[in-house]
Amino acid sequence: MSVVNSITATDAMQHCAHDHAVIVDARPQVMRHQGSVPGAVVVDPTEVRSRFTPTPSGTFPMVRDRDTEIAVVSVRSQASVIAEEIADLGYTNVHYVDGGYSAMRTATQQ
């Protein structure tokens, strides 16, 4: 299993704003009623493996290659597990957002 580290919501947003990162909102659909993460790619947690497994046509258009920084937002208990699942598929720069969606919401209000 890969080792992924946390990233602050502020850092994740700054990296995304400067086109250095992709934020992945991997909260279950029932949790996304809280609101959206601006600019995030939405992926249901049950679909992470199938959506991030590279195909002959590549991956997500926003994920340029396996070195693209990915910041995962999810339910706190699942965020690091989902980030590790993505890293186990060969992505080399994966983090999970410390504090999850509530930290992202706070960071966007600053």
PDB file of N, CA and C in Angstrom:
ATOM      1  N   MET A   1       0.836  -1.176   0.000  1.00  0.00           N
ATOM      2  CA  MET A   1       0.000   0.000   0.000  1.00  0.00           C
ATOM      3  C   MET A   1       0.886   1.246   0.000  1.00  0.00           C
ATOM      4  N   SER A   2       0.488   2.239  -0.730  1.00  0.00           N
ATOM      5  CA  SER A   2       1.224   3.502  -0.817  1.00  0.00           C
ATOM      6  C   SER A   2       1.012   4.314   0.449  1.00  0.00           C
ATOM      7  N   VAL A   3       1.871   5.271   0.642  1.00  0.00           N
ATOM      8  CA  VAL A   3       1.728   6.186   1.767  1.00  0.00           C
ATOM      9  C   VAL A   3       1.389   7.551   1.198  1.00  0.00           C
ATOM     10  N   VAL A   4       0.264   8.094   1.619  1.00  0.00           N
ATOM     11  CA  VAL A   4      -0.136   9.425   1.177  1.00  0.00           C
ATOM     12  C   VAL A   4      -0.161  10.340   2.392  1.00  0.00           C
ATOM     13  N   ASN A   5       0.014  11.609   2.146  1.00  0.00           N
ATOM     14  CA  ASN A   5       0.033  12.601   3.217  1.00  0.00           C
ATOM     15  C   ASN A   5      -1.168  13.519   3.100  1.00  0.00           C
ATOM     16  N   SER A   6      -1.455  14.197   4.194  1.00  0.00           N
ATOM     17  CA  SER A   6      -2.539  15.168   4.167  1.00  0.00           C
ATOM     18  C   SER A   6      -2.035  16.479   3.562  1.00  0.00           C
ATOM     19  N   ILE A   7      -2.987  17.285   3.149  1.00  0.00           N
ATOM     20  CA  ILE A   7      -2.721  18.629   2.644  1.00  0.00           C
ATOM     21  C   ILE A   7      -3.807  19.517   3.234  1.00  0.00           C
ATOM     22  N   THR A   8      -3.483  20.759   3.506  1.00  0.00           N
ATOM     23  CA  THR A   8      -4.520  21.646   4.042  1.00  0.00           C
ATOM     24  C   THR A   8      -5.473  22.039   2.914  1.00  0.00           C
ATOM     25  N   ALA A   9      -6.671  22.409   3.297  1.00  0.00           N
ATOM     26  CA  ALA A   9      -7.654  22.854   2.312  1.00  0.00           C
ATOM     27  C   ALA A   9      -7.157  24.091   1.574  1.00  0.00           C
ATOM     28  N   THR A  10      -6.530  24.999   2.293  1.00  0.00           N
ATOM     29  CA  THR A  10      -6.003  26.220   1.671  1.00  0.00           C
ATOM     30  C   THR A  10      -4.938  25.884   0.643  1.00  0.00           C
ATOM     31  N   ASP A  11      -4.012  24.991   0.980  1.00  0.00           N
ATOM     32  CA  ASP A  11      -2.975  24.590   0.025  1.00  0.00           C
ATOM     33  C   ASP A  11      -3.585  23.897  -1.186  1.00  0.00           C
ATOM     34  N   ALA A  12      -4.555  23.018  -0.964  1.00  0.00           N
ATOM     35  CA  ALA A  12      -5.196  22.319  -2.081  1.00  0.00           C
ATOM     36  C   ALA A  12      -5.855  23.316  -3.026  1.00  0.00           C
ATOM     37  N   MET A  13      -6.553  24.296  -2.472  1.00  0.00           N
ATOM     38  CA  MET A  13      -7.215  25.297  -3.313  1.00  0.00           C
ATOM     39  C   MET A  13      -6.201  26.152  -4.070  1.00  0.00           C
ATOM     40  N   GLN A  14      -5.117  26.529  -3.405  1.00  0.00           N
ATOM     41  CA  GLN A  14      -4.087  27.334  -4.079  1.00  0.00           C
ATOM     42  C   GLN A  14      -3.423  26.546  -5.200  1.00  0.00           C
ATOM     43  N   HIS A  15      -3.113  25.289  -4.952  1.00  0.00           N
ATOM     44  CA  HIS A  15      -2.483  24.467  -5.988  1.00  0.00           C
ATOM     45  C   HIS A  15      -3.430  24.295  -7.176  1.00  0.00           C
ATOM     46  N   CYS A  16      -4.708  24.116  -6.889  1.00  0.00           N
ATOM     47  CA  CYS A  16      -5.696  23.964  -7.967  1.00  0.00           C
ATOM     48  C   CYS A  16      -5.841  25.276  -8.747  1.00  0.00           C
ATOM     49  N   ALA A  17      -5.872  26.382  -8.038  1.00  0.00           N
ATOM     50  CA  ALA A  17      -6.023  27.686  -8.691  1.00  0.00           C
ATOM     51  C   ALA A  17      -4.863  27.996  -9.618  1.00  0.00           C
ATOM     52  N   HIS A  18      -3.689  27.491  -9.284  1.00  0.00           N
ATOM     53  CA  HIS A  18      -2.507  27.710 -10.119  1.00  0.00           C
ATOM     54  C   HIS A  18      -2.282  26.572 -11.105  1.00  0.00           C
ATOM     55  N   ASP A  19      -3.308  25.733 -11.268  1.00  0.00           N
ATOM     56  CA  ASP A  19      -3.277  24.628 -12.229  1.00  0.00           C
ATOM     57  C   ASP A  19      -2.208  23.587 -11.913  1.00  0.00           C
ATOM     58  N   HIS A  20      -1.867  23.455 -10.627  1.00  0.00           N
ATOM     59  CA  HIS A  20      -0.876  22.468 -10.213  1.00  0.00           C
ATOM     60  C   HIS A  20      -1.524  21.213  -9.647  1.00  0.00           C
ATOM     61  N   ALA A  21      -2.842  21.262  -9.415  1.00  0.00           N
ATOM     62  CA  ALA A  21      -3.503  20.134  -8.764  1.00  0.00           C
ATOM     63  C   ALA A  21      -4.941  19.993  -9.235  1.00  0.00           C
ATOM     64  N   VAL A  22      -5.467  18.798  -9.019  1.00  0.00           N
ATOM     65  CA  VAL A  22      -6.867  18.499  -9.271  1.00  0.00           C
ATOM     66  C   VAL A  22      -7.473  18.091  -7.936  1.00  0.00           C
ATOM     67  N   ILE A  23      -8.589  18.728  -7.575  1.00  0.00           N
ATOM     68  CA  ILE A  23      -9.303  18.333  -6.369  1.00  0.00           C
ATOM     69  C   ILE A  23     -10.360  17.318  -6.760  1.00  0.00           C
ATOM     70  N   VAL A  24     -10.388  16.200  -6.053  1.00  0.00           N
ATOM     71  CA  VAL A  24     -11.355  15.138  -6.311  1.00  0.00           C
ATOM     72  C   VAL A  24     -12.305  15.071  -5.125  1.00  0.00           C
ATOM     73  N   ASP A  25     -13.583  15.321  -5.393  1.00  0.00           N
ATOM     74  CA  ASP A  25     -14.619  15.224  -4.362  1.00  0.00           C
ATOM     75  C   ASP A  25     -15.147  13.798  -4.387  1.00  0.00           C
ATOM     76  N   ALA A  26     -14.679  12.992  -3.441  1.00  0.00           N
ATOM     77  CA  ALA A  26     -15.063  11.580  -3.396  1.00  0.00           C
ATOM     78  C   ALA A  26     -15.982  11.310  -2.212  1.00  0.00           C
ATOM     79  N   ARG A  27     -16.863  12.260  -1.933  1.00  0.00           N
ATOM     80  CA  ARG A  27     -17.855  12.038  -0.887  1.00  0.00           C
ATOM     81  C   ARG A  27     -19.015  11.244  -1.467  1.00  0.00           C
ATOM     82  N   PRO A  28     -19.649  10.414  -0.654  1.00  0.00           N
ATOM     83  CA  PRO A  28     -20.843   9.711  -1.139  1.00  0.00           C
ATOM     84  C   PRO A  28     -21.914  10.721  -1.537  1.00  0.00           C
ATOM     85  N   GLN A  29     -22.763  10.334  -2.452  1.00  0.00           N
ATOM     86  CA  GLN A  29     -23.800  11.235  -2.947  1.00  0.00           C
ATOM     87  C   GLN A  29     -24.644  11.809  -1.814  1.00  0.00           C
ATOM     88  N   VAL A  30     -24.952  11.027  -0.811  1.00  0.00           N
ATOM     89  CA  VAL A  30     -25.777  11.516   0.293  1.00  0.00           C
ATOM     90  C   VAL A  30     -25.072  12.615   1.091  1.00  0.00           C
ATOM     91  N   MET A  31     -23.752  12.690   0.994  1.00  0.00           N
ATOM     92  CA  MET A  31     -22.997  13.730   1.686  1.00  0.00           C
ATOM     93  C   MET A  31     -22.820  14.989   0.837  1.00  0.00           C
ATOM     94  N   ARG A  32     -22.974  14.862  -0.463  1.00  0.00           N
ATOM     95  CA  ARG A  32     -22.746  16.018  -1.335  1.00  0.00           C
ATOM     96  C   ARG A  32     -23.873  17.041  -1.256  1.00  0.00           C
ATOM     97  N   HIS A  33     -24.956  16.727  -0.519  1.00  0.00           N
ATOM     98  CA  HIS A  33     -26.022  17.709  -0.313  1.00  0.00           C
ATOM     99  C   HIS A  33     -25.524  18.901   0.502  1.00  0.00           C
ATOM    100  N   GLN A  34     -24.385  18.723   1.198  1.00  0.00           N
ATOM    101  CA  GLN A  34     -23.798  19.804   1.990  1.00  0.00           C
ATOM    102  C   GLN A  34     -23.322  20.950   1.097  1.00  0.00           C
ATOM    103  N   GLY A  35     -23.046  20.645  -0.134  1.00  0.00           N
ATOM    104  CA  GLY A  35     -22.546  21.648  -1.059  1.00  0.00           C
ATOM    105  C   GLY A  35     -21.465  21.063  -1.942  1.00  0.00           C
ATOM    106  N   SER A  36     -21.023  21.855  -2.897  1.00  0.00           N
ATOM    107  CA  SER A  36     -20.011  21.366  -3.826  1.00  0.00           C
ATOM    108  C   SER A  36     -18.665  22.002  -3.521  1.00  0.00           C
ATOM    109  N   VAL A  37     -17.637  21.387  -4.049  1.00  0.00           N
ATOM    110  CA  VAL A  37     -16.284  21.916  -3.943  1.00  0.00           C
ATOM    111  C   VAL A  37     -15.984  22.570  -5.292  1.00  0.00           C
ATOM    112  N   PRO A  38     -15.822  23.883  -5.323  1.00  0.00           N
ATOM    113  CA  PRO A  38     -15.600  24.571  -6.601  1.00  0.00           C
ATOM    114  C   PRO A  38     -14.433  23.978  -7.388  1.00  0.00           C
ATOM    115  N   GLY A  39     -14.693  23.630  -8.637  1.00  0.00           N
ATOM    116  CA  GLY A  39     -13.654  23.124  -9.520  1.00  0.00           C
ATOM    117  C   GLY A  39     -13.285  21.669  -9.330  1.00  0.00           C
ATOM    118  N   ALA A  40     -13.949  20.985  -8.411  1.00  0.00           N
ATOM    119  CA  ALA A  40     -13.585  19.595  -8.128  1.00  0.00           C
ATOM    120  C   ALA A  40     -14.178  18.632  -9.144  1.00  0.00           C
ATOM    121  N   VAL A  41     -13.472  17.541  -9.334  1.00  0.00           N
ATOM    122  CA  VAL A  41     -13.976  16.414 -10.112  1.00  0.00           C
ATOM    123  C   VAL A  41     -14.745  15.539  -9.120  1.00  0.00           C
ATOM    124  N   VAL A  42     -16.003  15.249  -9.403  1.00  0.00           N
ATOM    125  CA  VAL A  42     -16.825  14.459  -8.497  1.00  0.00           C
ATOM    126  C   VAL A  42     -16.763  12.992  -8.899  1.00  0.00           C
ATOM    127  N   VAL A  43     -16.403  12.151  -7.928  1.00  0.00           N
ATOM    128  CA  VAL A  43     -16.313  10.715  -8.149  1.00  0.00           C
ATOM    129  C   VAL A  43     -16.928  10.027  -6.935  1.00  0.00           C
ATOM    130  N   ASP A  44     -17.882   9.164  -7.171  1.00  0.00           N
ATOM    131  CA  ASP A  44     -18.449   8.400  -6.066  1.00  0.00           C
ATOM    132  C   ASP A  44     -17.363   7.485  -5.503  1.00  0.00           C
ATOM    133  N   PRO A  45     -17.277   7.336  -4.180  1.00  0.00           N
ATOM    134  CA  PRO A  45     -16.228   6.496  -3.601  1.00  0.00           C
ATOM    135  C   PRO A  45     -16.206   5.068  -4.144  1.00  0.00           C
ATOM    136  N   THR A  46     -17.360   4.544  -4.515  1.00  0.00           N
ATOM    137  CA  THR A  46     -17.414   3.175  -5.034  1.00  0.00           C
ATOM    138  C   THR A  46     -16.866   3.071  -6.449  1.00  0.00           C
ATOM    139  N   GLU A  47     -16.656   4.212  -7.115  1.00  0.00           N
ATOM    140  CA  GLU A  47     -16.195   4.212  -8.503  1.00  0.00           C
ATOM    141  C   GLU A  47     -14.746   4.684  -8.660  1.00  0.00           C
ATOM    142  N   VAL A  48     -14.061   4.913  -7.553  1.00  0.00           N
ATOM    143  CA  VAL A  48     -12.700   5.458  -7.623  1.00  0.00           C
ATOM    144  C   VAL A  48     -11.794   4.570  -8.468  1.00  0.00           C
ATOM    145  N   ARG A  49     -11.755   3.295  -8.178  1.00  0.00           N
ATOM    146  CA  ARG A  49     -10.853   2.386  -8.903  1.00  0.00           C
ATOM    147  C   ARG A  49     -11.163   2.389 -10.400  1.00  0.00           C
ATOM    148  N   SER A  50     -12.418   2.277 -10.764  1.00  0.00           N
ATOM    149  CA  SER A  50     -12.743   2.225 -12.202  1.00  0.00           C
ATOM    150  C   SER A  50     -12.506   3.569 -12.889  1.00  0.00           C
ATOM    151  N   ARG A  51     -12.729   4.678 -12.200  1.00  0.00           N
ATOM    152  CA  ARG A  51     -12.558   5.990 -12.820  1.00  0.00           C
ATOM    153  C   ARG A  51     -11.091   6.397 -12.934  1.00  0.00           C
ATOM    154  N   PHE A  52     -10.229   5.884 -12.053  1.00  0.00           N
ATOM    155  CA  PHE A  52      -8.823   6.267 -12.084  1.00  0.00           C
ATOM    156  C   PHE A  52      -7.917   5.233 -12.734  1.00  0.00           C
ATOM    157  N   THR A  53      -8.447   4.060 -13.066  1.00  0.00           N
ATOM    158  CA  THR A  53      -7.633   3.083 -13.771  1.00  0.00           C
ATOM    159  C   THR A  53      -7.404   3.603 -15.185  1.00  0.00           C
ATOM    160  N   PRO A  54      -6.149   3.827 -15.563  1.00  0.00           N
ATOM    161  CA  PRO A  54      -5.880   4.346 -16.905  1.00  0.00           C
ATOM    162  C   PRO A  54      -6.390   3.396 -17.994  1.00  0.00           C
ATOM    163  N   THR A  55      -6.907   3.986 -19.032  1.00  0.00           N
ATOM    164  CA  THR A  55      -7.394   3.239 -20.186  1.00  0.00           C
ATOM    165  C   THR A  55      -6.564   3.648 -21.393  1.00  0.00           C
ATOM    166  N   PRO A  56      -6.754   2.998 -22.523  1.00  0.00           N
ATOM    167  CA  PRO A  56      -6.006   3.416 -23.718  1.00  0.00           C
ATOM    168  C   PRO A  56      -6.207   4.896 -24.072  1.00  0.00           C
ATOM    169  N   SER A  57      -7.365   5.441 -23.697  1.00  0.00           N
ATOM    170  CA  SER A  57      -7.612   6.852 -24.001  1.00  0.00           C
ATOM    171  C   SER A  57      -7.141   7.777 -22.884  1.00  0.00           C
ATOM    172  N   GLY A  58      -6.559   7.221 -21.828  1.00  0.00           N
ATOM    173  CA  GLY A  58      -6.032   8.042 -20.739  1.00  0.00           C
ATOM    174  C   GLY A  58      -6.903   7.998 -19.508  1.00  0.00           C
ATOM    175  N   THR A  59      -6.871   9.093 -18.742  1.00  0.00           N
ATOM    176  CA  THR A  59      -7.637   9.195 -17.509  1.00  0.00           C
ATOM    177  C   THR A  59      -8.582  10.380 -17.642  1.00  0.00           C
ATOM    178  N   PHE A  60      -8.916  11.010 -16.546  1.00  0.00           N
ATOM    179  CA  PHE A  60      -9.730  12.215 -16.609  1.00  0.00           C
ATOM    180  C   PHE A  60      -8.990  13.261 -17.432  1.00  0.00           C
ATOM    181  N   PRO A  61      -9.698  14.089 -18.194  1.00  0.00           N
ATOM    182  CA  PRO A  61      -9.012  15.149 -18.945  1.00  0.00           C
ATOM    183  C   PRO A  61      -8.206  16.070 -18.034  1.00  0.00           C
ATOM    184  N   MET A  62      -8.650  16.285 -16.788  1.00  0.00           N
ATOM    185  CA  MET A  62      -7.946  17.178 -15.879  1.00  0.00           C
ATOM    186  C   MET A  62      -6.701  16.533 -15.292  1.00  0.00           C
ATOM    187  N   VAL A  63      -6.674  15.210 -15.262  1.00  0.00           N
ATOM    188  CA  VAL A  63      -5.513  14.495 -14.725  1.00  0.00           C
ATOM    189  C   VAL A  63      -4.603  14.196 -15.907  1.00  0.00           C
ATOM    190  N   ARG A  64      -3.626  15.067 -16.109  1.00  0.00           N
ATOM    191  CA  ARG A  64      -2.779  14.986 -17.305  1.00  0.00           C
ATOM    192  C   ARG A  64      -1.941  13.714 -17.348  1.00  0.00           C
ATOM    193  N   ASP A  65      -1.416  13.333 -16.195  1.00  0.00           N
ATOM    194  CA  ASP A  65      -0.599  12.123 -16.143  1.00  0.00           C
ATOM    195  C   ASP A  65      -0.547  11.641 -14.698  1.00  0.00           C
ATOM    196  N   ARG A  66       0.188  10.586 -14.457  1.00  0.00           N
ATOM    197  CA  ARG A  66       0.221   9.991 -13.115  1.00  0.00           C
ATOM    198  C   ARG A  66       1.004  10.822 -12.098  1.00  0.00           C
ATOM    199  N   ASP A  67       1.656  11.886 -12.560  1.00  0.00           N
ATOM    200  CA  ASP A  67       2.381  12.772 -11.652  1.00  0.00           C
ATOM    201  C   ASP A  67       1.557  14.006 -11.267  1.00  0.00           C
ATOM    202  N   THR A  68       0.379  14.158 -11.856  1.00  0.00           N
ATOM    203  CA  THR A  68      -0.484  15.286 -11.523  1.00  0.00           C
ATOM    204  C   THR A  68      -0.860  15.213 -10.047  1.00  0.00           C
ATOM    205  N   GLU A  69      -0.784  16.340  -9.368  1.00  0.00           N
ATOM    206  CA  GLU A  69      -1.163  16.364  -7.956  1.00  0.00           C
ATOM    207  C   GLU A  69      -2.670  16.188  -7.826  1.00  0.00           C
ATOM    208  N   ILE A  70      -3.078  15.275  -6.959  1.00  0.00           N
ATOM    209  CA  ILE A  70      -4.488  14.990  -6.710  1.00  0.00           C
ATOM    210  C   ILE A  70      -4.743  15.189  -5.218  1.00  0.00           C
ATOM    211  N   ALA A  71      -5.746  16.008  -4.912  1.00  0.00           N
ATOM    212  CA  ALA A  71      -6.141  16.250  -3.518  1.00  0.00           C
ATOM    213  C   ALA A  71      -7.547  15.701  -3.325  1.00  0.00           C
ATOM    214  N   VAL A  72      -7.687  14.709  -2.475  1.00  0.00           N
ATOM    215  CA  VAL A  72      -8.964  14.024  -2.266  1.00  0.00           C
ATOM    216  C   VAL A  72      -9.725  14.642  -1.097  1.00  0.00           C
ATOM    217  N   VAL A  73     -10.988  14.978  -1.363  1.00  0.00           N
ATOM    218  CA  VAL A  73     -11.904  15.440  -0.325  1.00  0.00           C
ATOM    219  C   VAL A  73     -12.930  14.339  -0.149  1.00  0.00           C
ATOM    220  N   SER A  74     -13.107  13.887   1.078  1.00  0.00           N
ATOM    221  CA  SER A  74     -14.105  12.852   1.334  1.00  0.00           C
ATOM    222  C   SER A  74     -14.507  12.905   2.794  1.00  0.00           C
ATOM    223  N   VAL A  75     -15.292  11.919   3.185  1.00  0.00           N
ATOM    224  CA  VAL A  75     -15.633  11.771   4.587  1.00  0.00           C
ATOM    225  C   VAL A  75     -14.315  11.517   5.316  1.00  0.00           C
ATOM    226  N   ARG A  76     -14.114  12.155   6.445  1.00  0.00           N
ATOM    227  CA  ARG A  76     -12.821  12.091   7.136  1.00  0.00           C
ATOM    228  C   ARG A  76     -12.289  10.680   7.294  1.00  0.00           C
ATOM    229  N   SER A  77     -13.149   9.749   7.635  1.00  0.00           N
ATOM    230  CA  SER A  77     -12.680   8.376   7.867  1.00  0.00           C
ATOM    231  C   SER A  77     -12.293   7.665   6.575  1.00  0.00           C
ATOM    232  N   GLN A  78     -12.733   8.175   5.433  1.00  0.00           N
ATOM    233  CA  GLN A  78     -12.448   7.525   4.155  1.00  0.00           C
ATOM    234  C   GLN A  78     -11.396   8.231   3.316  1.00  0.00           C
ATOM    235  N   ALA A  79     -11.095   9.471   3.602  1.00  0.00           N
ATOM    236  CA  ALA A  79     -10.240  10.278   2.728  1.00  0.00           C
ATOM    237  C   ALA A  79      -8.874   9.657   2.497  1.00  0.00           C
ATOM    238  N   SER A  80      -8.199   9.250   3.548  1.00  0.00           N
ATOM    239  CA  SER A  80      -6.859   8.690   3.367  1.00  0.00           C
ATOM    240  C   SER A  80      -6.917   7.349   2.653  1.00  0.00           C
ATOM    241  N   VAL A  81      -7.958   6.577   2.907  1.00  0.00           N
ATOM    242  CA  VAL A  81      -8.120   5.279   2.238  1.00  0.00           C
ATOM    243  C   VAL A  81      -8.343   5.476   0.742  1.00  0.00           C
ATOM    244  N   ILE A  82      -9.171   6.430   0.376  1.00  0.00           N
ATOM    245  CA  ILE A  82      -9.435   6.701  -1.041  1.00  0.00           C
ATOM    246  C   ILE A  82      -8.175   7.240  -1.707  1.00  0.00           C
ATOM    247  N   ALA A  83      -7.454   8.123  -1.028  1.00  0.00           N
ATOM    248  CA  ALA A  83      -6.204   8.652  -1.588  1.00  0.00           C
ATOM    249  C   ALA A  83      -5.204   7.522  -1.807  1.00  0.00           C
ATOM    250  N   GLU A  84      -5.112   6.606  -0.870  1.00  0.00           N
ATOM    251  CA  GLU A  84      -4.204   5.464  -1.022  1.00  0.00           C
ATOM    252  C   GLU A  84      -4.641   4.560  -2.163  1.00  0.00           C
ATOM    253  N   GLU A  85      -5.940   4.405  -2.343  1.00  0.00           N
ATOM    254  CA  GLU A  85      -6.442   3.591  -3.452  1.00  0.00           C
ATOM    255  C   GLU A  85      -6.013   4.184  -4.798  1.00  0.00           C
ATOM    256  N   ILE A  86      -6.098   5.510  -4.907  1.00  0.00           N
ATOM    257  CA  ILE A  86      -5.666   6.184  -6.136  1.00  0.00           C
ATOM    258  C   ILE A  86      -4.151   6.031  -6.313  1.00  0.00           C
ATOM    259  N   ALA A  87      -3.397   6.217  -5.241  1.00  0.00           N
ATOM    260  CA  ALA A  87      -1.942   6.073  -5.312  1.00  0.00           C
ATOM    261  C   ALA A  87      -1.550   4.651  -5.697  1.00  0.00           C
ATOM    262  N   ASP A  88      -2.282   3.671  -5.213  1.00  0.00           N
ATOM    263  CA  ASP A  88      -1.990   2.275  -5.552  1.00  0.00           C
ATOM    264  C   ASP A  88      -2.190   1.980  -7.037  1.00  0.00           C
ATOM    265  N   LEU A  89      -2.918   2.850  -7.735  1.00  0.00           N
ATOM    266  CA  LEU A  89      -3.105   2.690  -9.177  1.00  0.00           C
ATOM    267  C   LEU A  89      -1.942   3.301  -9.963  1.00  0.00           C
ATOM    268  N   GLY A  90      -0.951   3.825  -9.246  1.00  0.00           N
ATOM    269  CA  GLY A  90       0.238   4.330  -9.915  1.00  0.00           C
ATOM    270  C   GLY A  90       0.384   5.834  -9.921  1.00  0.00           C
ATOM    271  N   TYR A  91      -0.551   6.561  -9.306  1.00  0.00           N
ATOM    272  CA  TYR A  91      -0.435   8.016  -9.237  1.00  0.00           C
ATOM    273  C   TYR A  91       0.567   8.361  -8.147  1.00  0.00           C
ATOM    274  N   THR A  92       1.449   9.309  -8.426  1.00  0.00           N
ATOM    275  CA  THR A  92       2.604   9.541  -7.554  1.00  0.00           C
ATOM    276  C   THR A  92       2.496  10.755  -6.645  1.00  0.00           C
ATOM    277  N   ASN A  93       1.456  11.560  -6.800  1.00  0.00           N
ATOM    278  CA  ASN A  93       1.377  12.817  -6.053  1.00  0.00           C
ATOM    279  C   ASN A  93      -0.039  12.991  -5.492  1.00  0.00           C
ATOM    280  N   VAL A  94      -0.430  12.074  -4.623  1.00  0.00           N
ATOM    281  CA  VAL A  94      -1.798  12.042  -4.102  1.00  0.00           C
ATOM    282  C   VAL A  94      -1.805  12.434  -2.627  1.00  0.00           C
ATOM    283  N   HIS A  95      -2.753  13.285  -2.269  1.00  0.00           N
ATOM    284  CA  HIS A  95      -2.935  13.742  -0.888  1.00  0.00           C
ATOM    285  C   HIS A  95      -4.419  13.639  -0.533  1.00  0.00           C
ATOM    286  N   TYR A  96      -4.721  13.724   0.736  1.00  0.00           N
ATOM    287  CA  TYR A  96      -6.109  13.884   1.156  1.00  0.00           C
ATOM    288  C   TYR A  96      -6.194  15.198   1.925  1.00  0.00           C
ATOM    289  N   VAL A  97      -7.334  15.877   1.785  1.00  0.00           N
ATOM    290  CA  VAL A  97      -7.518  17.179   2.409  1.00  0.00           C
ATOM    291  C   VAL A  97      -7.849  16.977   3.880  1.00  0.00           C
ATOM    292  N   ASP A  98      -6.970  17.488   4.726  1.00  0.00           N
ATOM    293  CA  ASP A  98      -7.161  17.398   6.170  1.00  0.00           C
ATOM    294  C   ASP A  98      -8.400  18.210   6.557  1.00  0.00           C
ATOM    295  N   GLY A  99      -9.344  17.553   7.192  1.00  0.00           N
ATOM    296  CA  GLY A  99     -10.570  18.241   7.606  1.00  0.00           C
ATOM    297  C   GLY A  99     -11.712  18.076   6.627  1.00  0.00           C
ATOM    298  N   GLY A 100     -11.440  17.488   5.461  1.00  0.00           N
ATOM    299  CA  GLY A 100     -12.495  17.176   4.496  1.00  0.00           C
ATOM    300  C   GLY A 100     -13.260  18.380   3.981  1.00  0.00           C
ATOM    301  N   TYR A 101     -14.539  18.140   3.688  1.00  0.00           N
ATOM    302  CA  TYR A 101     -15.364  19.180   3.077  1.00  0.00           C
ATOM    303  C   TYR A 101     -15.516  20.400   3.982  1.00  0.00           C
ATOM    304  N   SER A 102     -15.659  20.193   5.276  1.00  0.00           N
ATOM    305  CA  SER A 102     -15.849  21.353   6.161  1.00  0.00           C
ATOM    306  C   SER A 102     -14.625  22.269   6.112  1.00  0.00           C
ATOM    307  N   ALA A 103     -13.432  21.715   6.011  1.00  0.00           N
ATOM    308  CA  ALA A 103     -12.220  22.536   5.879  1.00  0.00           C
ATOM    309  C   ALA A 103     -12.217  23.260   4.537  1.00  0.00           C
ATOM    310  N   MET A 104     -12.667  22.598   3.484  1.00  0.00           N
ATOM    311  CA  MET A 104     -12.730  23.246   2.161  1.00  0.00           C
ATOM    312  C   MET A 104     -13.718  24.405   2.195  1.00  0.00           C
ATOM    313  N   ARG A 105     -14.869  24.179   2.827  1.00  0.00           N
ATOM    314  CA  ARG A 105     -15.895  25.233   2.909  1.00  0.00           C
ATOM    315  C   ARG A 105     -15.345  26.432   3.688  1.00  0.00           C
ATOM    316  N   THR A 106     -14.657  26.186   4.776  1.00  0.00           N
ATOM    317  CA  THR A 106     -14.058  27.268   5.564  1.00  0.00           C
ATOM    318  C   THR A 106     -13.013  28.019   4.750  1.00  0.00           C
ATOM    319  N   ALA A 107     -12.190  27.288   4.031  1.00  0.00           N
ATOM    320  CA  ALA A 107     -11.129  27.907   3.227  1.00  0.00           C
ATOM    321  C   ALA A 107     -11.695  28.775   2.113  1.00  0.00           C
ATOM    322  N   THR A 108     -12.834  28.393   1.535  1.00  0.00           N
ATOM    323  CA  THR A 108     -13.416  29.193   0.454  1.00  0.00           C
ATOM    324  C   THR A 108     -14.060  30.458   0.985  1.00  0.00           C
ATOM    325  N   GLN A 109     -14.382  30.485   2.272  1.00  0.00           N
ATOM    326  CA  GLN A 109     -15.016  31.664   2.861  1.00  0.00           C
ATOM    327  C   GLN A 109     -14.000  32.681   3.359  1.00  0.00           C
ATOM    328  N   GLN A 110     -12.738  32.358   3.306  1.00  0.00           N
ATOM    329  CA  GLN A 110     -11.700  33.271   3.811  1.00  0.00           C
ATOM    330  C   GLN A 110     -11.300  34.264   2.763  1.00  0.00           C
TER     331      GLN A 110
END
